[in-house]
Every structure is written in C-alpha cells, then in structure tokens.
C-alpha cells in the first residue's frame, strides 16, 4: 500500500479486546470487515454434522481473520474463538475492497496470503489421513513449544484444554487424555494442573515421526 492507502486503513480501523473463551465470529456469520490479531491466540474451527468441533488453525499475532469471507462476500466457513486474552484490530470491509480494486500489488499479496492458507489446510488433511493420533498429539506439543515458547517455570506458554487438544488432532477427548497420560508415564511430558511441560523433546520428536 502507498502512504495514502495506509492512512485510510489506519484511520478506519478500531481496536477490540476479548477475554479467553469469547467469540470473534461464528460459523456462517456475515462479516463487515477483517480482524488482525495484535496479541493473543484464537482457534479457527469447523463444526461437523455430528457436533464435533475440528480446530483447523491457531491464529497468532499478525494473522488476519475473515479475509476470505469479506473478499468473496460469503458467510464465514469457520468460527473464531479466543483461547487466550486477545487484542484485535478491526478493518472495515470498504477499506479492504477499495484498495483491492485500485492496487494490483495489494491484490497479489492478498492472493498469496490466501494461497498460503490453502497450503496449510492441505497439510492438515494429509496429517489427518497419514499420521496416527499419537503422532499428531506429539506433533501438537512440539508445535506449541516452538511457536509459543515456555513460561518461566518451563511449562508451555499456551495451554490448550484436553478437549481443544483433541479437536486439534481430530480425535475423541477420551483418546487424547489417554495418550497424554501415556506420554507422562513414558517421561515425555509432565503436567501441573492444566499446564504441560516437555520433558524429553528428542523422544517426543521420534514419536511424532513414527519411530
């Protein structure tokens, strides 16, 4: 964007704060703009016909939410819910669409961003079909450590509930709890209340690879 376009977007945006568990938008909502994550984490999920929630992505600082719905003028395909306290910027639809129509470079960058989202969706499908639940849970713990780090006590900085962990990997909550318990017995992780710490990173990576 040029300076004038940036100023127009900046002048139109508003800031919104949400508490953990609050909904940013629901499935099949009609959005009047896009959200940019300034701080915190959101889960993007899809409700299946049998009522199970499948988490397809965790959106973190810098991520855009709702751009596909705004650009295609369709209702949202996913819901977005805060899994931590969040700060968001909301940019009205007109500011985005007007710039898309007048700035080809901006339009290309938006296409690249959406293409990246499609690639991530492809990776999720491959993981679901080719990896075991145990591999996917091990991979999820490694992902959480690598992307969100640890707190001062060595526990993962981002805590997902056992239900959310099950929904990330696509399994029943009971199965996720059982596998997490097995990981504890093997010394791969340790827990304190709802928090989790990785004890043996190399062994957990071996599990994720299927070795």
C-alpha atoms as a PDB file:
ATOM      1  CA  UNK A   1       0.000   0.000   0.000  1.00  0.00           C
ATOM      2  CA  UNK A   2       1.095   3.596  -0.552  1.00  0.00           C
ATOM      3  CA  UNK A   3       1.044   6.159   2.268  1.00  0.00           C
ATOM      4  CA  UNK A   4      -2.412   7.436   1.384  1.00  0.00           C
ATOM      5  CA  UNK A   5      -3.896   3.930   1.352  1.00  0.00           C
ATOM      6  CA  UNK A   6      -2.191   3.043   4.635  1.00  0.00           C
ATOM      7  CA  UNK A   7      -3.530   6.198   6.245  1.00  0.00           C
ATOM      8  CA  UNK A   8      -7.073   5.436   5.037  1.00  0.00           C
ATOM      9  CA  UNK A   9      -6.905   1.938   6.505  1.00  0.00           C
ATOM     10  CA  UNK A  10      -5.288   3.174   9.721  1.00  0.00           C
ATOM     11  CA  UNK A  11      -7.936   5.881  10.182  1.00  0.00           C
ATOM     12  CA  UNK A  12     -10.750   3.382   9.655  1.00  0.00           C
ATOM     13  CA  UNK A  13      -9.540   0.629  11.980  1.00  0.00           C
ATOM     14  CA  UNK A  14     -10.747   0.129  15.543  1.00  0.00           C
ATOM     15  CA  UNK A  15      -9.270  -1.870  18.415  1.00  0.00           C
ATOM     16  CA  UNK A  16     -11.139  -4.595  20.234  1.00  0.00           C
ATOM     17  CA  UNK A  17     -10.166  -6.642  23.309  1.00  0.00           C
ATOM     18  CA  UNK A  18     -11.551 -10.071  24.133  1.00  0.00           C
ATOM     19  CA  UNK A  19     -11.266 -12.383  27.106  1.00  0.00           C
ATOM     20  CA  UNK A  20     -10.336 -16.046  26.780  1.00  0.00           C
ATOM     21  CA  UNK A  21     -13.353 -18.020  25.527  1.00  0.00           C
ATOM     22  CA  UNK A  22     -15.086 -15.083  23.823  1.00  0.00           C
ATOM     23  CA  UNK A  23     -16.213 -15.424  20.198  1.00  0.00           C
ATOM     24  CA  UNK A  24     -14.731 -13.207  17.482  1.00  0.00           C
ATOM     25  CA  UNK A  25     -17.165 -14.517  14.879  1.00  0.00           C
ATOM     26  CA  UNK A  26     -19.246 -17.634  14.442  1.00  0.00           C
ATOM     27  CA  UNK A  27     -19.652 -20.085  11.599  1.00  0.00           C
ATOM     28  CA  UNK A  28     -21.867 -18.746   8.787  1.00  0.00           C
ATOM     29  CA  UNK A  29     -21.642 -15.151  10.049  1.00  0.00           C
ATOM     30  CA  UNK A  30     -21.658 -12.289   7.547  1.00  0.00           C
ATOM     31  CA  UNK A  31     -18.638 -10.102   8.224  1.00  0.00           C
ATOM     32  CA  UNK A  32     -18.370  -6.371   7.612  1.00  0.00           C
ATOM     33  CA  UNK A  33     -14.578  -6.339   7.829  1.00  0.00           C
ATOM     34  CA  UNK A  34     -11.447  -8.290   8.700  1.00  0.00           C
ATOM     35  CA  UNK A  35      -9.678  -8.796  12.023  1.00  0.00           C
ATOM     36  CA  UNK A  36      -5.936  -8.587  12.584  1.00  0.00           C
ATOM     37  CA  UNK A  37      -4.500 -10.246  15.694  1.00  0.00           C
ATOM     38  CA  UNK A  38      -2.349  -7.780  17.638  1.00  0.00           C
ATOM     39  CA  UNK A  39      -1.901 -10.007  20.692  1.00  0.00           C
ATOM     40  CA  UNK A  40      -3.138 -13.383  21.906  1.00  0.00           C
ATOM     41  CA  UNK A  41      -4.296 -16.565  20.192  1.00  0.00           C
ATOM     42  CA  UNK A  42      -7.543 -17.615  18.504  1.00  0.00           C
ATOM     43  CA  UNK A  43      -8.711 -21.050  17.401  1.00  0.00           C
ATOM     44  CA  UNK A  44     -10.377 -21.351  13.995  1.00  0.00           C
ATOM     45  CA  UNK A  45     -12.692 -24.333  13.922  1.00  0.00           C
ATOM     46  CA  UNK A  46     -15.430 -26.077  11.937  1.00  0.00           C
ATOM     47  CA  UNK A  47     -18.415 -27.828  13.466  1.00  0.00           C
ATOM     48  CA  UNK A  48     -19.063 -31.230  11.869  1.00  0.00           C
ATOM     49  CA  UNK A  49     -22.566 -32.678  11.301  1.00  0.00           C
ATOM     50  CA  UNK A  50     -22.128 -34.942  14.362  1.00  0.00           C
ATOM     51  CA  UNK A  51     -21.465 -31.911  16.569  1.00  0.00           C
ATOM     52  CA  UNK A  52     -17.690 -32.326  16.893  1.00  0.00           C
ATOM     53  CA  UNK A  53     -15.548 -29.202  16.694  1.00  0.00           C
ATOM     54  CA  UNK A  54     -12.483 -29.583  14.441  1.00  0.00           C
ATOM     55  CA  UNK A  55      -9.792 -26.974  15.057  1.00  0.00           C
ATOM     56  CA  UNK A  56      -8.058 -26.265  11.748  1.00  0.00           C
ATOM     57  CA  UNK A  57      -5.703 -23.472  12.804  1.00  0.00           C
ATOM     58  CA  UNK A  58      -4.394 -21.421  15.705  1.00  0.00           C
ATOM     59  CA  UNK A  59      -4.176 -17.747  14.701  1.00  0.00           C
ATOM     60  CA  UNK A  60      -1.479 -15.696  16.427  1.00  0.00           C
ATOM     61  CA  UNK A  61      -0.013 -12.183  16.335  1.00  0.00           C
ATOM     62  CA  UNK A  62      -0.107 -10.761  12.800  1.00  0.00           C
ATOM     63  CA  UNK A  63      -2.735 -13.183  11.490  1.00  0.00           C
ATOM     64  CA  UNK A  64      -5.758 -11.961   9.528  1.00  0.00           C
ATOM     65  CA  UNK A  65      -9.186 -13.393  10.259  1.00  0.00           C
ATOM     66  CA  UNK A  66     -12.207 -13.275   7.972  1.00  0.00           C
ATOM     67  CA  UNK A  67     -10.496 -12.062   4.797  1.00  0.00           C
ATOM     68  CA  UNK A  68     -11.837 -14.909   2.631  1.00  0.00           C
ATOM     69  CA  UNK A  69     -15.406 -14.184   3.680  1.00  0.00           C
ATOM     70  CA  UNK A  70     -15.033 -10.442   3.069  1.00  0.00           C
ATOM     71  CA  UNK A  71     -13.384 -10.802  -0.353  1.00  0.00           C
ATOM     72  CA  UNK A  72     -15.766 -13.486  -1.648  1.00  0.00           C
ATOM     73  CA  UNK A  73     -18.809 -11.859   0.028  1.00  0.00           C
ATOM     74  CA  UNK A  74     -19.764 -15.214   1.520  1.00  0.00           C
ATOM     75  CA  UNK A  75     -20.642 -16.187   5.077  1.00  0.00           C
ATOM     76  CA  UNK A  76     -17.786 -17.456   7.209  1.00  0.00           C
ATOM     77  CA  UNK A  77     -16.788 -21.104   6.875  1.00  0.00           C
ATOM     78  CA  UNK A  78     -15.169 -21.265  10.310  1.00  0.00           C
ATOM     79  CA  UNK A  79     -15.708 -19.847  13.776  1.00  0.00           C
ATOM     80  CA  UNK A  80     -13.013 -17.901  15.635  1.00  0.00           C
ATOM     81  CA  UNK A  81     -12.801 -18.082  19.436  1.00  0.00           C
ATOM     82  CA  UNK A  82     -10.139 -16.636  21.745  1.00  0.00           C
ATOM     83  CA  UNK A  83      -8.046 -19.271  23.544  1.00  0.00           C
ATOM     84  CA  UNK A  84      -6.250 -16.512  25.471  1.00  0.00           C
ATOM     85  CA  UNK A  85      -6.978 -12.868  26.188  1.00  0.00           C
ATOM     86  CA  UNK A  86      -6.693 -11.032  22.864  1.00  0.00           C
ATOM     87  CA  UNK A  87      -6.304  -7.621  21.284  1.00  0.00           C
ATOM     88  CA  UNK A  88      -7.606  -7.259  17.730  1.00  0.00           C
ATOM     89  CA  UNK A  89      -7.743  -4.581  15.058  1.00  0.00           C
ATOM     90  CA  UNK A  90     -10.945  -4.444  13.017  1.00  0.00           C
ATOM     91  CA  UNK A  91     -10.658  -3.022   9.486  1.00  0.00           C
ATOM     92  CA  UNK A  92     -13.984  -2.280   7.738  1.00  0.00           C
ATOM     93  CA  UNK A  93     -14.782  -4.095   4.512  1.00  0.00           C
ATOM     94  CA  UNK A  94     -14.826  -0.946   2.350  1.00  0.00           C
ATOM     95  CA  UNK A  95     -11.234  -0.055   3.225  1.00  0.00           C
ATOM     96  CA  UNK A  96     -10.065  -3.519   2.120  1.00  0.00           C
ATOM     97  CA  UNK A  97     -12.200  -3.874  -1.019  1.00  0.00           C
ATOM     98  CA  UNK A  98     -11.493  -0.350  -2.299  1.00  0.00           C
ATOM     99  CA  UNK A  99      -7.739  -0.954  -2.037  1.00  0.00           C
ATOM    100  CA  UNK A 100      -8.058  -4.352  -3.741  1.00  0.00           C
ATOM    101  CA  UNK A 101      -9.838  -2.683  -6.664  1.00  0.00           C
ATOM    102  CA  UNK A 102      -7.251   0.072  -7.095  1.00  0.00           C
ATOM    103  CA  UNK A 103      -3.931  -1.503  -6.059  1.00  0.00           C
ATOM    104  CA  UNK A 104      -2.821  -4.613  -8.041  1.00  0.00           C
ATOM    105  CA  UNK A 105       0.216  -5.187  -5.814  1.00  0.00           C
ATOM    106  CA  UNK A 106      -2.001  -5.334  -2.736  1.00  0.00           C
ATOM    107  CA  UNK A 107      -4.375  -7.732  -4.534  1.00  0.00           C
ATOM    108  CA  UNK A 108      -1.465 -10.062  -5.386  1.00  0.00           C
ATOM    109  CA  UNK A 109      -0.268 -10.077  -1.761  1.00  0.00           C
ATOM    110  CA  UNK A 110      -3.775 -10.951  -0.561  1.00  0.00           C
ATOM    111  CA  UNK A 111      -3.892 -13.820  -3.080  1.00  0.00           C
ATOM    112  CA  UNK A 112      -0.540 -15.078  -1.823  1.00  0.00           C
ATOM    113  CA  UNK A 113      -1.813 -14.974   1.749  1.00  0.00           C
ATOM    114  CA  UNK A 114      -4.934 -16.937   0.834  1.00  0.00           C
ATOM    115  CA  UNK A 115      -2.827 -19.445  -1.146  1.00  0.00           C
ATOM    116  CA  UNK A 116      -0.709 -19.968   1.977  1.00  0.00           C
ATOM    117  CA  UNK A 117      -3.886 -20.654   3.978  1.00  0.00           C
ATOM    118  CA  UNK A 118      -4.902 -23.261   1.383  1.00  0.00           C
ATOM    119  CA  UNK A 119      -1.486 -24.937   1.688  1.00  0.00           C
ATOM    120  CA  UNK A 120      -1.897 -25.106   5.473  1.00  0.00           C
ATOM    121  CA  UNK A 121      -5.336 -26.665   5.001  1.00  0.00           C
ATOM    122  CA  UNK A 122      -3.796 -29.266   2.657  1.00  0.00           C
ATOM    123  CA  UNK A 123      -1.186 -30.109   5.298  1.00  0.00           C
ATOM    124  CA  UNK A 124      -3.910 -30.625   7.912  1.00  0.00           C
ATOM    125  CA  UNK A 125      -5.738 -33.049   5.603  1.00  0.00           C
ATOM    126  CA  UNK A 126      -2.533 -35.026   4.928  1.00  0.00           C
ATOM    127  CA  UNK A 127      -1.727 -35.228   8.639  1.00  0.00           C
ATOM    128  CA  UNK A 128      -5.214 -36.486   9.442  1.00  0.00           C
ATOM    129  CA  UNK A 129      -5.061 -39.215   6.818  1.00  0.00           C
ATOM    130  CA  UNK A 130      -1.454 -40.376   7.149  1.00  0.00           C
ATOM    131  CA  UNK A 131      -0.480 -39.995  10.826  1.00  0.00           C
ATOM    132  CA  UNK A 132      -1.726 -41.775  13.934  1.00  0.00           C
ATOM    133  CA  UNK A 133      -3.406 -39.903  16.775  1.00  0.00           C
ATOM    134  CA  UNK A 134      -0.318 -40.489  18.936  1.00  0.00           C
ATOM    135  CA  UNK A 135       1.913 -38.921  16.270  1.00  0.00           C
ATOM    136  CA  UNK A 136      -0.419 -35.942  15.881  1.00  0.00           C
ATOM    137  CA  UNK A 137      -0.561 -35.249  19.637  1.00  0.00           C
ATOM    138  CA  UNK A 138       3.249 -35.430  19.903  1.00  0.00           C
ATOM    139  CA  UNK A 139       3.483 -33.077  16.928  1.00  0.00           C
ATOM    140  CA  UNK A 140       0.977 -30.696  18.545  1.00  0.00           C
ATOM    141  CA  UNK A 141       3.048 -30.399  21.740  1.00  0.00           C
ATOM    142  CA  UNK A 142       6.192 -29.691  19.694  1.00  0.00           C
ATOM    143  CA  UNK A 143       4.288 -27.084  17.646  1.00  0.00           C
ATOM    144  CA  UNK A 144       3.068 -25.347  20.818  1.00  0.00           C
ATOM    145  CA  UNK A 145       6.588 -25.215  22.236  1.00  0.00           C
ATOM    146  CA  UNK A 146       8.231 -23.994  19.021  1.00  0.00           C
ATOM    147  CA  UNK A 147       5.607 -21.326  18.276  1.00  0.00           C
ATOM    148  CA  UNK A 148       4.604 -20.061  21.726  1.00  0.00           C
ATOM    149  CA  UNK A 149       7.552 -20.963  23.941  1.00  0.00           C
ATOM    150  CA  UNK A 150       7.601 -21.723  27.649  1.00  0.00           C
ATOM    151  CA  UNK A 151       6.755 -19.786  30.792  1.00  0.00           C
ATOM    152  CA  UNK A 152       9.342 -19.076  33.488  1.00  0.00           C
ATOM    153  CA  UNK A 153       8.663 -22.464  35.080  1.00  0.00           C
ATOM    154  CA  UNK A 154       9.326 -24.426  31.879  1.00  0.00           C
ATOM    155  CA  UNK A 155       5.679 -25.181  31.049  1.00  0.00           C
ATOM    156  CA  UNK A 156       4.179 -24.448  27.627  1.00  0.00           C
ATOM    157  CA  UNK A 157       3.189 -20.780  27.480  1.00  0.00           C
ATOM    158  CA  UNK A 158      -0.037 -21.570  25.609  1.00  0.00           C
ATOM    159  CA  UNK A 159      -2.263 -24.023  27.441  1.00  0.00           C
ATOM    160  CA  UNK A 160      -4.900 -25.874  25.438  1.00  0.00           C
ATOM    161  CA  UNK A 161      -7.646 -27.767  27.213  1.00  0.00           C
ATOM    162  CA  UNK A 162      -7.689 -31.521  26.690  1.00  0.00           C
ATOM    163  CA  UNK A 163     -10.824 -31.026  24.585  1.00  0.00           C
ATOM    164  CA  UNK A 164      -9.107 -28.434  22.390  1.00  0.00           C
ATOM    165  CA  UNK A 165      -6.066 -30.687  22.020  1.00  0.00           C
ATOM    166  CA  UNK A 166      -8.384 -33.497  20.874  1.00  0.00           C
ATOM    167  CA  UNK A 167     -10.078 -31.124  18.428  1.00  0.00           C
ATOM    168  CA  UNK A 168      -6.719 -30.004  17.023  1.00  0.00           C
ATOM    169  CA  UNK A 169      -5.668 -33.569  16.184  1.00  0.00           C
ATOM    170  CA  UNK A 170      -9.134 -34.861  15.269  1.00  0.00           C
ATOM    171  CA  UNK A 171      -9.864 -37.456  17.937  1.00  0.00           C
ATOM    172  CA  UNK A 172     -12.171 -38.060  20.895  1.00  0.00           C
ATOM    173  CA  UNK A 173     -11.304 -36.206  24.113  1.00  0.00           C
ATOM    174  CA  UNK A 174     -11.023 -39.549  25.949  1.00  0.00           C
ATOM    175  CA  UNK A 175      -8.411 -40.780  23.458  1.00  0.00           C
ATOM    176  CA  UNK A 176      -6.381 -37.594  23.804  1.00  0.00           C
ATOM    177  CA  UNK A 177      -6.451 -37.854  27.616  1.00  0.00           C
ATOM    178  CA  UNK A 178      -5.311 -41.487  27.462  1.00  0.00           C
ATOM    179  CA  UNK A 179      -2.407 -40.738  25.104  1.00  0.00           C
ATOM    180  CA  UNK A 180      -1.310 -37.699  27.146  1.00  0.00           C
ATOM    181  CA  UNK A 181      -1.329 -39.956  30.234  1.00  0.00           C
ATOM    182  CA  UNK A 182       0.835 -42.486  28.350  1.00  0.00           C
ATOM    183  CA  UNK A 183       3.283 -39.700  27.424  1.00  0.00           C
ATOM    184  CA  UNK A 184       3.543 -38.802  31.137  1.00  0.00           C
ATOM    185  CA  UNK A 185       4.237 -42.419  32.126  1.00  0.00           C
ATOM    186  CA  UNK A 186       6.976 -42.612  29.465  1.00  0.00           C
ATOM    187  CA  UNK A 187       8.576 -39.416  30.793  1.00  0.00           C
ATOM    188  CA  UNK A 188       7.975 -37.461  27.573  1.00  0.00           C
ATOM    189  CA  UNK A 189       5.975 -34.720  29.308  1.00  0.00           C
ATOM    190  CA  UNK A 190       4.959 -33.651  32.791  1.00  0.00           C
ATOM    191  CA  UNK A 191       1.842 -31.802  33.913  1.00  0.00           C
ATOM    192  CA  UNK A 192       0.829 -29.461  36.700  1.00  0.00           C
ATOM    193  CA  UNK A 193      -2.902 -28.898  36.870  1.00  0.00           C
ATOM    194  CA  UNK A 194      -3.776 -27.962  33.251  1.00  0.00           C
ATOM    195  CA  UNK A 195      -0.247 -26.953  32.257  1.00  0.00           C
ATOM    196  CA  UNK A 196       2.128 -29.185  30.291  1.00  0.00           C
ATOM    197  CA  UNK A 197       5.930 -29.233  30.039  1.00  0.00           C
ATOM    198  CA  UNK A 198       8.011 -31.252  27.582  1.00  0.00           C
ATOM    199  CA  UNK A 199      10.484 -33.449  29.470  1.00  0.00           C
ATOM    200  CA  UNK A 200      12.138 -35.416  26.634  1.00  0.00           C
ATOM    201  CA  UNK A 201      11.993 -33.369  23.432  1.00  0.00           C
ATOM    202  CA  UNK A 202      14.009 -35.789  21.305  1.00  0.00           C
ATOM    203  CA  UNK A 203      11.892 -38.785  22.277  1.00  0.00           C
ATOM    204  CA  UNK A 204       8.705 -36.798  21.606  1.00  0.00           C
ATOM    205  CA  UNK A 205      10.003 -35.879  18.149  1.00  0.00           C
ATOM    206  CA  UNK A 206      10.676 -39.555  17.475  1.00  0.00           C
ATOM    207  CA  UNK A 207       7.077 -40.353  18.387  1.00  0.00           C
ATOM    208  CA  UNK A 208       5.879 -37.573  16.059  1.00  0.00           C
ATOM    209  CA  UNK A 209       7.916 -39.074  13.205  1.00  0.00           C
ATOM    210  CA  UNK A 210       6.543 -42.550  13.945  1.00  0.00           C
ATOM    211  CA  UNK A 211       9.858 -44.090  15.013  1.00  0.00           C
END
